mmCIF file of all heavy atoms, coordinates in Angstrom:
data_MODEL
# 
_entry.id   MODEL 
# 
loop_
_atom_site.group_PDB 
_atom_site.id 
_atom_site.type_symbol 
_atom_site.label_atom_id 
_atom_site.label_alt_id 
_atom_site.label_comp_id 
_atom_site.label_asym_id 
_atom_site.label_entity_id 
_atom_site.label_seq_id 
_atom_site.pdbx_PDB_ins_code 
_atom_site.Cartn_x 
_atom_site.Cartn_y 
_atom_site.Cartn_z 
_atom_site.occupancy 
_atom_site.B_iso_or_equiv 
_atom_site.pdbx_formal_charge 
_atom_site.auth_seq_id 
_atom_site.auth_comp_id 
_atom_site.auth_asym_id 
_atom_site.auth_atom_id 
_atom_site.pdbx_PDB_model_num 
ATOM 1   N N   . SER A 1 1  ? 0.846  -1.185 0.016  1.00 0.00 ? 1  SER A N   1 
ATOM 2   C CA  . SER A 1 1  ? -0.001 0.009  0.002  1.00 0.00 ? 1  SER A CA  1 
ATOM 3   C C   . SER A 1 1  ? 0.858  1.266  -0.003 1.00 0.00 ? 1  SER A C   1 
ATOM 4   O O   . SER A 1 1  ? 2.053  1.204  0.317  1.00 0.00 ? 1  SER A O   1 
ATOM 5   C CB  . SER A 1 1  ? -0.901 0.014  1.243  1.00 0.00 ? 1  SER A CB  1 
ATOM 6   O OG  . SER A 1 1  ? -0.122 0.067  2.423  1.00 0.00 ? 1  SER A OG  1 
ATOM 7   N N   . TRP A 1 2  ? 0.216  2.379  -0.333 1.00 0.00 ? 2  TRP A N   1 
ATOM 8   C CA  . TRP A 1 2  ? 0.939  3.667  -0.254 1.00 0.00 ? 2  TRP A CA  1 
ATOM 9   C C   . TRP A 1 2  ? 1.409  3.942  1.176  1.00 0.00 ? 2  TRP A C   1 
ATOM 10  O O   . TRP A 1 2  ? 2.486  4.479  1.378  1.00 0.00 ? 2  TRP A O   1 
ATOM 11  C CB  . TRP A 1 2  ? 0.006  4.833  -0.697 1.00 0.00 ? 2  TRP A CB  1 
ATOM 12  C CG  . TRP A 1 2  ? -0.521 4.709  -2.108 1.00 0.00 ? 2  TRP A CG  1 
ATOM 13  C CD1 . TRP A 1 2  ? -1.826 4.633  -2.492 1.00 0.00 ? 2  TRP A CD1 1 
ATOM 14  C CD2 . TRP A 1 2  ? 0.230  4.699  -3.304 1.00 0.00 ? 2  TRP A CD2 1 
ATOM 15  N NE1 . TRP A 1 2  ? -1.932 4.538  -3.863 1.00 0.00 ? 2  TRP A NE1 1 
ATOM 16  C CE2 . TRP A 1 2  ? -0.679 4.588  -4.395 1.00 0.00 ? 2  TRP A CE2 1 
ATOM 17  C CE3 . TRP A 1 2  ? 1.607  4.754  -3.628 1.00 0.00 ? 2  TRP A CE3 1 
ATOM 18  C CZ2 . TRP A 1 2  ? -0.276 4.554  -5.721 1.00 0.00 ? 2  TRP A CZ2 1 
ATOM 19  C CZ3 . TRP A 1 2  ? 2.011  4.698  -4.918 1.00 0.00 ? 2  TRP A CZ3 1 
ATOM 20  C CH2 . TRP A 1 2  ? 1.075  4.598  -5.965 1.00 0.00 ? 2  TRP A CH2 1 
ATOM 21  N N   . ARG A 1 3  ? 0.600  3.564  2.131  1.00 0.00 ? 3  ARG A N   1 
ATOM 22  C CA  . ARG A 1 3  ? 0.973  3.775  3.518  1.00 0.00 ? 3  ARG A CA  1 
ATOM 23  C C   . ARG A 1 3  ? 2.225  2.986  3.886  1.00 0.00 ? 3  ARG A C   1 
ATOM 24  O O   . ARG A 1 3  ? 3.127  3.497  4.571  1.00 0.00 ? 3  ARG A O   1 
ATOM 25  C CB  . ARG A 1 3  ? -0.196 3.328  4.442  1.00 0.00 ? 3  ARG A CB  1 
ATOM 26  C CG  . ARG A 1 3  ? 0.083  3.384  5.920  1.00 0.00 ? 3  ARG A CG  1 
ATOM 27  C CD  . ARG A 1 3  ? -1.122 2.861  6.704  1.00 0.00 ? 3  ARG A CD  1 
ATOM 28  N NE  . ARG A 1 3  ? -1.444 1.489  6.260  1.00 0.00 ? 3  ARG A NE  1 
ATOM 29  C CZ  . ARG A 1 3  ? -0.835 0.418  6.724  1.00 0.00 ? 3  ARG A CZ  1 
ATOM 30  N NH1 . ARG A 1 3  ? 0.135  0.534  7.608  1.00 0.00 ? 3  ARG A NH1 1 
ATOM 31  N NH2 . ARG A 1 3  ? -1.212 -0.779 6.332  1.00 0.00 ? 3  ARG A NH2 1 
ATOM 32  N N   . SER A 1 4  ? 2.301  1.733  3.385  1.00 0.00 ? 4  SER A N   1 
ATOM 33  C CA  . SER A 1 4  ? 3.488  0.904  3.675  1.00 0.00 ? 4  SER A CA  1 
ATOM 34  C C   . SER A 1 4  ? 4.739  1.511  3.007  1.00 0.00 ? 4  SER A C   1 
ATOM 35  O O   . SER A 1 4  ? 5.816  1.522  3.618  1.00 0.00 ? 4  SER A O   1 
ATOM 36  C CB  . SER A 1 4  ? 3.247  -0.509 3.173  1.00 0.00 ? 4  SER A CB  1 
ATOM 37  O OG  . SER A 1 4  ? 4.409  -1.279 3.234  1.00 0.00 ? 4  SER A OG  1 
ATOM 38  N N   . LEU A 1 5  ? 4.610  1.964  1.789  1.00 0.00 ? 5  LEU A N   1 
ATOM 39  C CA  . LEU A 1 5  ? 5.759  2.552  1.081  1.00 0.00 ? 5  LEU A CA  1 
ATOM 40  C C   . LEU A 1 5  ? 6.216  3.814  1.760  1.00 0.00 ? 5  LEU A C   1 
ATOM 41  O O   . LEU A 1 5  ? 7.444  4.043  1.895  1.00 0.00 ? 5  LEU A O   1 
ATOM 42  C CB  . LEU A 1 5  ? 5.373  2.857  -0.379 1.00 0.00 ? 5  LEU A CB  1 
ATOM 43  C CG  . LEU A 1 5  ? 4.943  1.685  -1.222 1.00 0.00 ? 5  LEU A CG  1 
ATOM 44  C CD1 . LEU A 1 5  ? 4.636  2.138  -2.646 1.00 0.00 ? 5  LEU A CD1 1 
ATOM 45  C CD2 . LEU A 1 5  ? 5.999  0.578  -1.268 1.00 0.00 ? 5  LEU A CD2 1 
ATOM 46  N N   . THR A 1 6  ? 5.272  4.627  2.239  1.00 0.00 ? 6  THR A N   1 
ATOM 47  C CA  . THR A 1 6  ? 5.630  5.839  2.925  1.00 0.00 ? 6  THR A CA  1 
ATOM 48  C C   . THR A 1 6  ? 6.347  5.543  4.247  1.00 0.00 ? 6  THR A C   1 
ATOM 49  O O   . THR A 1 6  ? 7.364  6.186  4.607  1.00 0.00 ? 6  THR A O   1 
ATOM 50  C CB  . THR A 1 6  ? 4.372  6.691  3.212  1.00 0.00 ? 6  THR A CB  1 
ATOM 51  O OG1 . THR A 1 6  ? 3.689  6.904  1.998  1.00 0.00 ? 6  THR A OG1 1 
ATOM 52  C CG2 . THR A 1 6  ? 4.729  8.008  3.847  1.00 0.00 ? 6  THR A CG2 1 
ATOM 53  N N   . ALA A 1 7  ? 5.863  4.524  4.944  1.00 0.00 ? 7  ALA A N   1 
ATOM 54  C CA  . ALA A 1 7  ? 6.496  4.106  6.225  1.00 0.00 ? 7  ALA A CA  1 
ATOM 55  C C   . ALA A 1 7  ? 7.926  3.668  5.979  1.00 0.00 ? 7  ALA A C   1 
ATOM 56  O O   . ALA A 1 7  ? 8.852  3.934  6.751  1.00 0.00 ? 7  ALA A O   1 
ATOM 57  C CB  . ALA A 1 7  ? 5.674  3.025  6.887  1.00 0.00 ? 7  ALA A CB  1 
ATOM 58  N N   . TRP A 1 8  ? 8.154  2.938  4.858  1.00 0.00 ? 8  TRP A N   1 
ATOM 59  C CA  . TRP A 1 8  ? 9.516  2.496  4.499  1.00 0.00 ? 8  TRP A CA  1 
ATOM 60  C C   . TRP A 1 8  ? 10.427 3.664  4.261  1.00 0.00 ? 8  TRP A C   1 
ATOM 61  O O   . TRP A 1 8  ? 11.564 3.688  4.691  1.00 0.00 ? 8  TRP A O   1 
ATOM 62  C CB  . TRP A 1 8  ? 9.434  1.566  3.287  1.00 0.00 ? 8  TRP A CB  1 
ATOM 63  C CG  . TRP A 1 8  ? 10.776 1.067  2.874  1.00 0.00 ? 8  TRP A CG  1 
ATOM 64  C CD1 . TRP A 1 8  ? 11.507 0.063  3.432  1.00 0.00 ? 8  TRP A CD1 1 
ATOM 65  C CD2 . TRP A 1 8  ? 11.553 1.546  1.737  1.00 0.00 ? 8  TRP A CD2 1 
ATOM 66  N NE1 . TRP A 1 8  ? 12.694 -0.075 2.740  1.00 0.00 ? 8  TRP A NE1 1 
ATOM 67  C CE2 . TRP A 1 8  ? 12.756 0.784  1.706  1.00 0.00 ? 8  TRP A CE2 1 
ATOM 68  C CE3 . TRP A 1 8  ? 11.331 2.526  0.778  1.00 0.00 ? 8  TRP A CE3 1 
ATOM 69  C CZ2 . TRP A 1 8  ? 13.712 0.988  0.740  1.00 0.00 ? 8  TRP A CZ2 1 
ATOM 70  C CZ3 . TRP A 1 8  ? 12.309 2.738  -0.204 1.00 0.00 ? 8  TRP A CZ3 1 
ATOM 71  C CH2 . TRP A 1 8  ? 13.479 1.977  -0.217 1.00 0.00 ? 8  TRP A CH2 1 
ATOM 72  N N   . LEU A 1 9  ? 9.941  4.657  3.502  1.00 0.00 ? 9  LEU A N   1 
ATOM 73  C CA  . LEU A 1 9  ? 10.755 5.849  3.232  1.00 0.00 ? 9  LEU A CA  1 
ATOM 74  C C   . LEU A 1 9  ? 11.122 6.580  4.519  1.00 0.00 ? 9  LEU A C   1 
ATOM 75  O O   . LEU A 1 9  ? 12.264 7.036  4.702  1.00 0.00 ? 9  LEU A O   1 
ATOM 76  C CB  . LEU A 1 9  ? 9.980  6.797  2.294  1.00 0.00 ? 9  LEU A CB  1 
ATOM 77  C CG  . LEU A 1 9  ? 9.879  6.372  0.823  1.00 0.00 ? 9  LEU A CG  1 
ATOM 78  C CD1 . LEU A 1 9  ? 8.883  7.281  0.106  1.00 0.00 ? 9  LEU A CD1 1 
ATOM 79  C CD2 . LEU A 1 9  ? 11.251 6.456  0.135  1.00 0.00 ? 9  LEU A CD2 1 
ATOM 80  N N   . GLN A 1 10 ? 10.157 6.672  5.423  1.00 0.00 ? 10 GLN A N   1 
ATOM 81  C CA  . GLN A 1 10 ? 10.453 7.383  6.692  1.00 0.00 ? 10 GLN A CA  1 
ATOM 82  C C   . GLN A 1 10 ? 11.412 6.559  7.574  1.00 0.00 ? 10 GLN A C   1 
ATOM 83  O O   . GLN A 1 10 ? 12.281 7.108  8.242  1.00 0.00 ? 10 GLN A O   1 
ATOM 84  C CB  . GLN A 1 10 ? 9.145  7.629  7.418  1.00 0.00 ? 10 GLN A CB  1 
ATOM 85  C CG  . GLN A 1 10 ? 8.218  8.613  6.700  1.00 0.00 ? 10 GLN A CG  1 
ATOM 86  C CD  . GLN A 1 10 ? 6.930  8.838  7.432  1.00 0.00 ? 10 GLN A CD  1 
ATOM 87  O OE1 . GLN A 1 10 ? 6.644  8.209  8.423  1.00 0.00 ? 10 GLN A OE1 1 
ATOM 88  N NE2 . GLN A 1 10 ? 6.131  9.762  6.918  1.00 0.00 ? 10 GLN A NE2 1 
ATOM 89  N N   . GLU A 1 11 ? 11.241 5.226  7.529  1.00 0.00 ? 11 GLU A N   1 
ATOM 90  C CA  . GLU A 1 11 ? 12.119 4.364  8.305  1.00 0.00 ? 11 GLU A CA  1 
ATOM 91  C C   . GLU A 1 11 ? 13.564 4.493  7.809  1.00 0.00 ? 11 GLU A C   1 
ATOM 92  O O   . GLU A 1 11 ? 14.519 4.498  8.612  1.00 0.00 ? 11 GLU A O   1 
ATOM 93  C CB  . GLU A 1 11 ? 11.646 2.912  8.192  1.00 0.00 ? 11 GLU A CB  1 
ATOM 94  C CG  . GLU A 1 11 ? 12.546 1.920  8.904  1.00 0.00 ? 11 GLU A CG  1 
ATOM 95  C CD  . GLU A 1 11 ? 12.111 0.463  8.636  1.00 0.00 ? 11 GLU A CD  1 
ATOM 96  O OE1 . GLU A 1 11 ? 10.991 0.245  8.156  1.00 0.00 ? 11 GLU A OE1 1 
ATOM 97  O OE2 . GLU A 1 11 ? 12.949 -0.423 8.860  1.00 0.00 ? 11 GLU A OE2 1 
ATOM 98  N N   . LYS A 1 12 ? 13.751 4.586  6.503  1.00 0.00 ? 12 LYS A N   1 
ATOM 99  C CA  . LYS A 1 12 ? 15.078 4.717  5.890  1.00 0.00 ? 12 LYS A CA  1 
ATOM 100 C C   . LYS A 1 12 ? 15.592 6.134  5.916  1.00 0.00 ? 12 LYS A C   1 
ATOM 101 O O   . LYS A 1 12 ? 16.712 6.397  5.473  1.00 0.00 ? 12 LYS A O   1 
ATOM 102 C CB  . LYS A 1 12 ? 15.073 4.195  4.440  1.00 0.00 ? 12 LYS A CB  1 
ATOM 103 C CG  . LYS A 1 12 ? 14.719 2.721  4.296  1.00 0.00 ? 12 LYS A CG  1 
ATOM 104 C CD  . LYS A 1 12 ? 15.774 1.816  4.919  1.00 0.00 ? 12 LYS A CD  1 
ATOM 105 C CE  . LYS A 1 12 ? 15.472 0.361  4.695  1.00 0.00 ? 12 LYS A CE  1 
ATOM 106 N NZ  . LYS A 1 12 ? 16.495 -0.518 5.316  1.00 0.00 ? 12 LYS A NZ  1 
ATOM 107 N N   . ASP A 1 13 ? 14.758 7.067  6.387  1.00 0.00 ? 13 ASP A N   1 
ATOM 108 C CA  . ASP A 1 13 ? 15.092 8.498  6.456  1.00 0.00 ? 13 ASP A CA  1 
ATOM 109 C C   . ASP A 1 13 ? 15.457 9.033  5.073  1.00 0.00 ? 13 ASP A C   1 
ATOM 110 O O   . ASP A 1 13 ? 16.410 9.801  4.885  1.00 0.00 ? 13 ASP A O   1 
ATOM 111 C CB  . ASP A 1 13 ? 16.219 8.758  7.431  1.00 0.00 ? 13 ASP A CB  1 
ATOM 112 C CG  . ASP A 1 13 ? 16.305 10.252 7.786  1.00 0.00 ? 13 ASP A CG  1 
ATOM 113 O OD1 . ASP A 1 13 ? 15.304 10.927 7.770  1.00 0.00 ? 13 ASP A OD1 1 
ATOM 114 O OD2 . ASP A 1 13 ? 17.436 10.725 8.104  1.00 0.00 ? 13 ASP A OD2 1 
ATOM 115 N N   . ILE A 1 14 ? 14.660 8.615  4.056  1.00 0.00 ? 14 ILE A N   1 
ATOM 116 C CA  . ILE A 1 14 ? 14.812 9.127  2.671  1.00 0.00 ? 14 ILE A CA  1 
ATOM 117 C C   . ILE A 1 14 ? 13.936 10.352 2.553  1.00 0.00 ? 14 ILE A C   1 
ATOM 118 O O   . ILE A 1 14 ? 12.714 10.276 2.764  1.00 0.00 ? 14 ILE A O   1 
ATOM 119 C CB  . ILE A 1 14 ? 14.454 8.046  1.641  1.00 0.00 ? 14 ILE A CB  1 
ATOM 120 C CG1 . ILE A 1 14 ? 15.409 6.850  1.794  1.00 0.00 ? 14 ILE A CG1 1 
ATOM 121 C CG2 . ILE A 1 14 ? 14.526 8.625  0.235  1.00 0.00 ? 14 ILE A CG2 1 
ATOM 122 C CD1 . ILE A 1 14 ? 14.984 5.662  0.955  1.00 0.00 ? 14 ILE A CD1 1 
ATOM 123 N N   . ARG A 1 15 ? 14.529 11.485 2.199  1.00 0.00 ? 15 ARG A N   1 
ATOM 124 C CA  . ARG A 1 15 ? 13.800 12.775 2.234  1.00 0.00 ? 15 ARG A CA  1 
ATOM 125 C C   . ARG A 1 15 ? 13.365 13.199 0.833  1.00 0.00 ? 15 ARG A C   1 
ATOM 126 O O   . ARG A 1 15 ? 13.864 12.711 -0.190 1.00 0.00 ? 15 ARG A O   1 
ATOM 127 C CB  . ARG A 1 15 ? 14.726 13.848 2.804  1.00 0.00 ? 15 ARG A CB  1 
ATOM 128 C CG  . ARG A 1 15 ? 15.192 13.561 4.223  1.00 0.00 ? 15 ARG A CG  1 
ATOM 129 C CD  . ARG A 1 15 ? 14.090 13.794 5.233  1.00 0.00 ? 15 ARG A CD  1 
ATOM 130 N NE  . ARG A 1 15 ? 14.475 13.496 6.585  1.00 0.00 ? 15 ARG A NE  1 
ATOM 131 C CZ  . ARG A 1 15 ? 14.036 14.155 7.627  1.00 0.00 ? 15 ARG A CZ  1 
ATOM 132 N NH1 . ARG A 1 15 ? 13.225 15.207 7.462  1.00 0.00 ? 15 ARG A NH1 1 
ATOM 133 N NH2 . ARG A 1 15 ? 14.371 13.835 8.871  1.00 0.00 ? 15 ARG A NH2 1 
ATOM 134 N N   . THR A 1 16 ? 12.413 14.125 0.814  1.00 0.00 ? 16 THR A N   1 
ATOM 135 C CA  . THR A 1 16 ? 11.967 14.730 -0.439 1.00 0.00 ? 16 THR A CA  1 
ATOM 136 C C   . THR A 1 16 ? 13.053 15.666 -0.992 1.00 0.00 ? 16 THR A C   1 
ATOM 137 O O   . THR A 1 16 ? 14.011 15.968 -0.265 1.00 0.00 ? 16 THR A O   1 
ATOM 138 C CB  . THR A 1 16 ? 10.680 15.550 -0.217 1.00 0.00 ? 16 THR A CB  1 
ATOM 139 O OG1 . THR A 1 16 ? 11.013 16.661 0.611  1.00 0.00 ? 16 THR A OG1 1 
ATOM 140 C CG2 . THR A 1 16 ? 9.621  14.698 0.499  1.00 0.00 ? 16 THR A CG2 1 
ATOM 141 N N   . PRO A 1 17 ? 12.933 16.150 -2.206 1.00 0.00 ? 17 PRO A N   1 
ATOM 142 C CA  . PRO A 1 17 ? 13.963 17.063 -2.737 1.00 0.00 ? 17 PRO A CA  1 
ATOM 143 C C   . PRO A 1 17 ? 14.141 18.330 -1.874 1.00 0.00 ? 17 PRO A C   1 
ATOM 144 O O   . PRO A 1 17 ? 15.205 18.938 -1.911 1.00 0.00 ? 17 PRO A O   1 
ATOM 145 C CB  . PRO A 1 17 ? 13.431 17.446 -4.121 1.00 0.00 ? 17 PRO A CB  1 
ATOM 146 C CG  . PRO A 1 17 ? 12.635 16.229 -4.529 1.00 0.00 ? 17 PRO A CG  1 
ATOM 147 C CD  . PRO A 1 17 ? 11.987 15.766 -3.261 1.00 0.00 ? 17 PRO A CD  1 
ATOM 148 N N   . THR A 1 18 ? 13.120 18.718 -1.124 1.00 0.00 ? 18 THR A N   1 
ATOM 149 C CA  . THR A 1 18 ? 13.247 19.904 -0.259 1.00 0.00 ? 18 THR A CA  1 
ATOM 150 C C   . THR A 1 18 ? 13.704 19.548 1.132  1.00 0.00 ? 18 THR A C   1 
ATOM 151 O O   . THR A 1 18 ? 13.780 20.423 2.012  1.00 0.00 ? 18 THR A O   1 
ATOM 152 C CB  . THR A 1 18 ? 11.912 20.658 -0.204 1.00 0.00 ? 18 THR A CB  1 
ATOM 153 O OG1 . THR A 1 18 ? 10.889 19.741 0.297  1.00 0.00 ? 18 THR A OG1 1 
ATOM 154 C CG2 . THR A 1 18 ? 11.524 21.161 -1.565 1.00 0.00 ? 18 THR A CG2 1 
ATOM 155 N N   . GLY A 1 19 ? 13.972 18.257 1.396  1.00 0.00 ? 19 GLY A N   1 
ATOM 156 C CA  . GLY A 1 19 ? 14.438 17.832 2.697  1.00 0.00 ? 19 GLY A CA  1 
ATOM 157 C C   . GLY A 1 19 ? 13.357 17.456 3.681  1.00 0.00 ? 19 GLY A C   1 
ATOM 158 O O   . GLY A 1 19 ? 13.643 17.222 4.869  1.00 0.00 ? 19 GLY A O   1 
ATOM 159 N N   . GLY A 1 20 ? 12.110 17.443 3.241  1.00 0.00 ? 20 GLY A N   1 
ATOM 160 C CA  . GLY A 1 20 ? 10.993 17.106 4.143  1.00 0.00 ? 20 GLY A CA  1 
ATOM 161 C C   . GLY A 1 20 ? 10.683 15.613 4.209  1.00 0.00 ? 20 GLY A C   1 
ATOM 162 O O   . GLY A 1 20 ? 11.276 14.801 3.458  1.00 0.00 ? 20 GLY A O   1 
ATOM 163 N N   . GLN A 1 21 ? 9.742  15.276 5.072  1.00 0.00 ? 21 GLN A N   1 
ATOM 164 C CA  . GLN A 1 21 ? 9.296  13.885 5.192  1.00 0.00 ? 21 GLN A CA  1 
ATOM 165 C C   . GLN A 1 21 ? 8.267  13.582 4.114  1.00 0.00 ? 21 GLN A C   1 
ATOM 166 O O   . GLN A 1 21 ? 7.487  14.460 3.674  1.00 0.00 ? 21 GLN A O   1 
ATOM 167 C CB  . GLN A 1 21 ? 8.664  13.648 6.568  1.00 0.00 ? 21 GLN A CB  1 
ATOM 168 C CG  . GLN A 1 21 ? 9.666  13.633 7.711  1.00 0.00 ? 21 GLN A CG  1 
ATOM 169 C CD  . GLN A 1 21 ? 10.284 12.225 7.901  1.00 0.00 ? 21 GLN A CD  1 
ATOM 170 O OE1 . GLN A 1 21 ? 10.166 11.379 7.041  1.00 0.00 ? 21 GLN A OE1 1 
ATOM 171 N NE2 . GLN A 1 21 ? 10.902 12.037 9.034  1.00 0.00 ? 21 GLN A NE2 1 
ATOM 172 N N   . TRP A 1 22 ? 8.268  12.358 3.636  1.00 0.00 ? 22 TRP A N   1 
ATOM 173 C CA  . TRP A 1 22 ? 7.301  11.920 2.656  1.00 0.00 ? 22 TRP A CA  1 
ATOM 174 C C   . TRP A 1 22 ? 5.950  11.694 3.309  1.00 0.00 ? 22 TRP A C   1 
ATOM 175 O O   . TRP A 1 22 ? 5.847  11.169 4.412  1.00 0.00 ? 22 TRP A O   1 
ATOM 176 C CB  . TRP A 1 22 ? 7.743  10.650 1.962  1.00 0.00 ? 22 TRP A CB  1 
ATOM 177 C CG  . TRP A 1 22 ? 8.867  10.819 1.000  1.00 0.00 ? 22 TRP A CG  1 
ATOM 178 C CD1 . TRP A 1 22 ? 10.186 10.644 1.269  1.00 0.00 ? 22 TRP A CD1 1 
ATOM 179 C CD2 . TRP A 1 22 ? 8.791  11.247 -0.371 1.00 0.00 ? 22 TRP A CD2 1 
ATOM 180 N NE1 . TRP A 1 22 ? 10.957 10.936 0.144  1.00 0.00 ? 22 TRP A NE1 1 
ATOM 181 C CE2 . TRP A 1 22 ? 10.116 11.289 -0.861 1.00 0.00 ? 22 TRP A CE2 1 
ATOM 182 C CE3 . TRP A 1 22 ? 7.759  11.585 -1.201 1.00 0.00 ? 22 TRP A CE3 1 
ATOM 183 C CZ2 . TRP A 1 22 ? 10.383 11.661 -2.178 1.00 0.00 ? 22 TRP A CZ2 1 
ATOM 184 C CZ3 . TRP A 1 22 ? 8.036  11.958 -2.510 1.00 0.00 ? 22 TRP A CZ3 1 
ATOM 185 C CH2 . TRP A 1 22 ? 9.348  11.982 -2.959 1.00 0.00 ? 22 TRP A CH2 1 
ATOM 186 N N   . GLY A 1 23 ? 4.845  12.036 2.582  1.00 0.00 ? 23 GLY A N   1 
ATOM 187 C CA  . GLY A 1 23 ? 3.498  11.667 2.957  1.00 0.00 ? 23 GLY A CA  1 
ATOM 188 C C   . GLY A 1 23 ? 2.963  10.721 1.894  1.00 0.00 ? 23 GLY A C   1 
ATOM 189 O O   . GLY A 1 23 ? 3.450  10.708 0.763  1.00 0.00 ? 23 GLY A O   1 
ATOM 190 N N   . SER A 1 24 ? 1.958  9.948  2.236  1.00 0.00 ? 24 SER A N   1 
ATOM 191 C CA  . SER A 1 24 ? 1.426  8.955  1.276  1.00 0.00 ? 24 SER A CA  1 
ATOM 192 C C   . SER A 1 24 ? 0.893  9.595  0.001  1.00 0.00 ? 24 SER A C   1 
ATOM 193 O O   . SER A 1 24 ? 1.060  9.051  -1.097 1.00 0.00 ? 24 SER A O   1 
ATOM 194 C CB  . SER A 1 24 ? 0.356  8.099  1.953  1.00 0.00 ? 24 SER A CB  1 
ATOM 195 O OG  . SER A 1 24 ? -0.697 8.929  2.450  1.00 0.00 ? 24 SER A OG  1 
# 
């Protein structure tokens, strides 16, 4: 799910191009 993918990005501390946290 989108929620699961977002949780993985946050767990790996992978940021958006502006340095923010990903949302689903």
